[in-house]
Protein backbone atom coordinates (compact mmCIF):
# COMPACT_ATOMS: atom_id res chain seq x y z
CA UNK A 1 0.00 0.00 0.00
CA UNK A 2 1.23 3.51 -0.79
CA UNK A 3 0.32 6.50 1.38
CA UNK A 4 0.68 10.12 0.24
CA UNK A 5 0.17 12.72 2.98
CA UNK A 6 -2.11 15.68 2.25
CA UNK A 7 -1.66 19.38 2.99
CA UNK A 8 0.98 20.04 5.69
CA UNK A 9 1.26 16.40 6.80
CA UNK A 10 4.42 14.25 6.86
CA UNK A 11 4.63 10.42 6.92
CA UNK A 12 7.46 9.16 9.15
CA UNK A 13 8.80 5.85 10.43
CA UNK A 14 10.00 5.86 14.02
CA UNK A 15 13.62 5.01 14.77
CA UNK A 16 13.88 1.95 17.05
CA UNK A 17 14.36 2.73 20.73
CA UNK A 18 17.60 1.76 22.45
CA UNK A 19 17.34 -1.64 24.13
CA UNK A 20 20.68 -1.43 25.96
CA UNK A 21 22.32 1.21 28.09
CA UNK A 22 25.86 2.46 27.44
CA UNK A 23 26.98 0.16 30.27
CA UNK A 24 25.43 -2.89 28.59
CA UNK A 25 22.27 -3.29 30.70
CA UNK A 26 19.23 -4.48 28.78
CA UNK A 27 16.19 -2.20 29.12
CA UNK A 28 12.90 -4.16 29.29
CA UNK A 29 10.07 -3.18 26.91
CA UNK A 30 7.97 -1.87 29.81
CA UNK A 31 10.68 0.62 30.83
CA UNK A 32 11.48 1.92 27.31
CA UNK A 33 10.20 5.34 26.42
CA UNK A 34 8.66 6.04 23.05
CA UNK A 35 11.37 7.44 20.82
CA UNK A 36 10.87 10.89 19.39
CA UNK A 37 13.14 10.33 16.39
CA UNK A 38 11.90 9.28 12.99
CA UNK A 39 12.88 9.14 9.34
CA UNK A 40 10.72 11.04 6.85
CA UNK A 41 9.13 8.68 4.31
CA UNK A 42 6.81 11.04 2.39
CA UNK A 43 5.63 14.64 2.56
CA UNK A 44 2.46 16.45 1.54
CA UNK A 45 2.46 19.45 -0.81
CA UNK A 46 2.08 21.99 2.03
CA UNK A 47 -0.37 24.86 2.18
CA UNK A 48 -0.18 28.58 1.52
CA UNK A 49 0.39 29.22 5.25
CA UNK A 50 2.53 26.14 6.06
CA UNK A 51 5.40 25.21 3.75
CA UNK A 52 6.96 21.75 4.17
CA UNK A 53 10.57 22.15 5.28
CA UNK A 54 11.72 18.50 5.38
CA UNK A 55 12.24 15.95 2.64
CA UNK A 56 12.17 12.13 2.46
CA UNK A 57 15.19 10.43 4.02
CA UNK A 58 15.87 13.09 6.66
CA UNK A 59 15.98 12.11 10.35
CA UNK A 60 13.82 14.35 12.53
CA UNK A 61 12.80 14.99 16.13
CA UNK A 62 9.10 15.55 16.86
CA UNK A 63 6.83 16.47 19.78
CA UNK A 64 6.30 13.60 22.25
CA UNK A 65 2.54 13.16 21.86
CA UNK A 66 2.22 14.25 18.22
CA UNK A 67 0.94 12.28 15.29
CA UNK A 68 -1.50 9.60 14.30
CA UNK A 69 -0.22 6.06 14.23
CA UNK A 70 -0.99 3.87 11.22
CA UNK A 71 0.10 0.43 9.93
CA UNK A 72 1.31 0.04 6.35
CA UNK A 73 2.12 -3.50 5.17
CA UNK A 74 2.50 -4.60 8.81
CA UNK A 75 4.90 -1.80 9.81
CA UNK A 76 4.16 1.12 12.14
CA UNK A 77 4.26 4.71 10.84
CA UNK A 78 3.13 8.12 12.08
CA UNK A 79 1.45 10.94 10.20
CA UNK A 80 2.59 14.25 11.71
CA UNK A 81 1.71 17.87 11.03
CA UNK A 82 4.72 19.83 9.80
CA UNK A 83 4.45 22.13 12.84
CA UNK A 84 4.99 19.10 15.18
CA UNK A 85 8.51 18.61 13.79
CA UNK A 86 11.03 20.14 16.20
CA UNK A 87 14.33 19.65 14.37
CA UNK A 88 16.27 17.86 11.66
CA UNK A 89 19.07 15.61 12.93
CA UNK A 90 22.28 15.89 10.90
């Protein structure tokens, strides 16, 4: 299935959360926080008021409770508003 975001929306795939600490301890699933990093998969055309500033392939940071979760071909994705994107990770 192919999904094309509309207006000022961006389709992203979350980056997997760390399962080990720097010291080598394994973090159980119940203690892991939802990651706020994602990779942009597709972008909408934007609107007159809100121009899209990211492009596919870029790694981003987004607001903690932002987005709508969807499943595409068995994988989890988020659809975010462009204004929920905090930064681009270089």
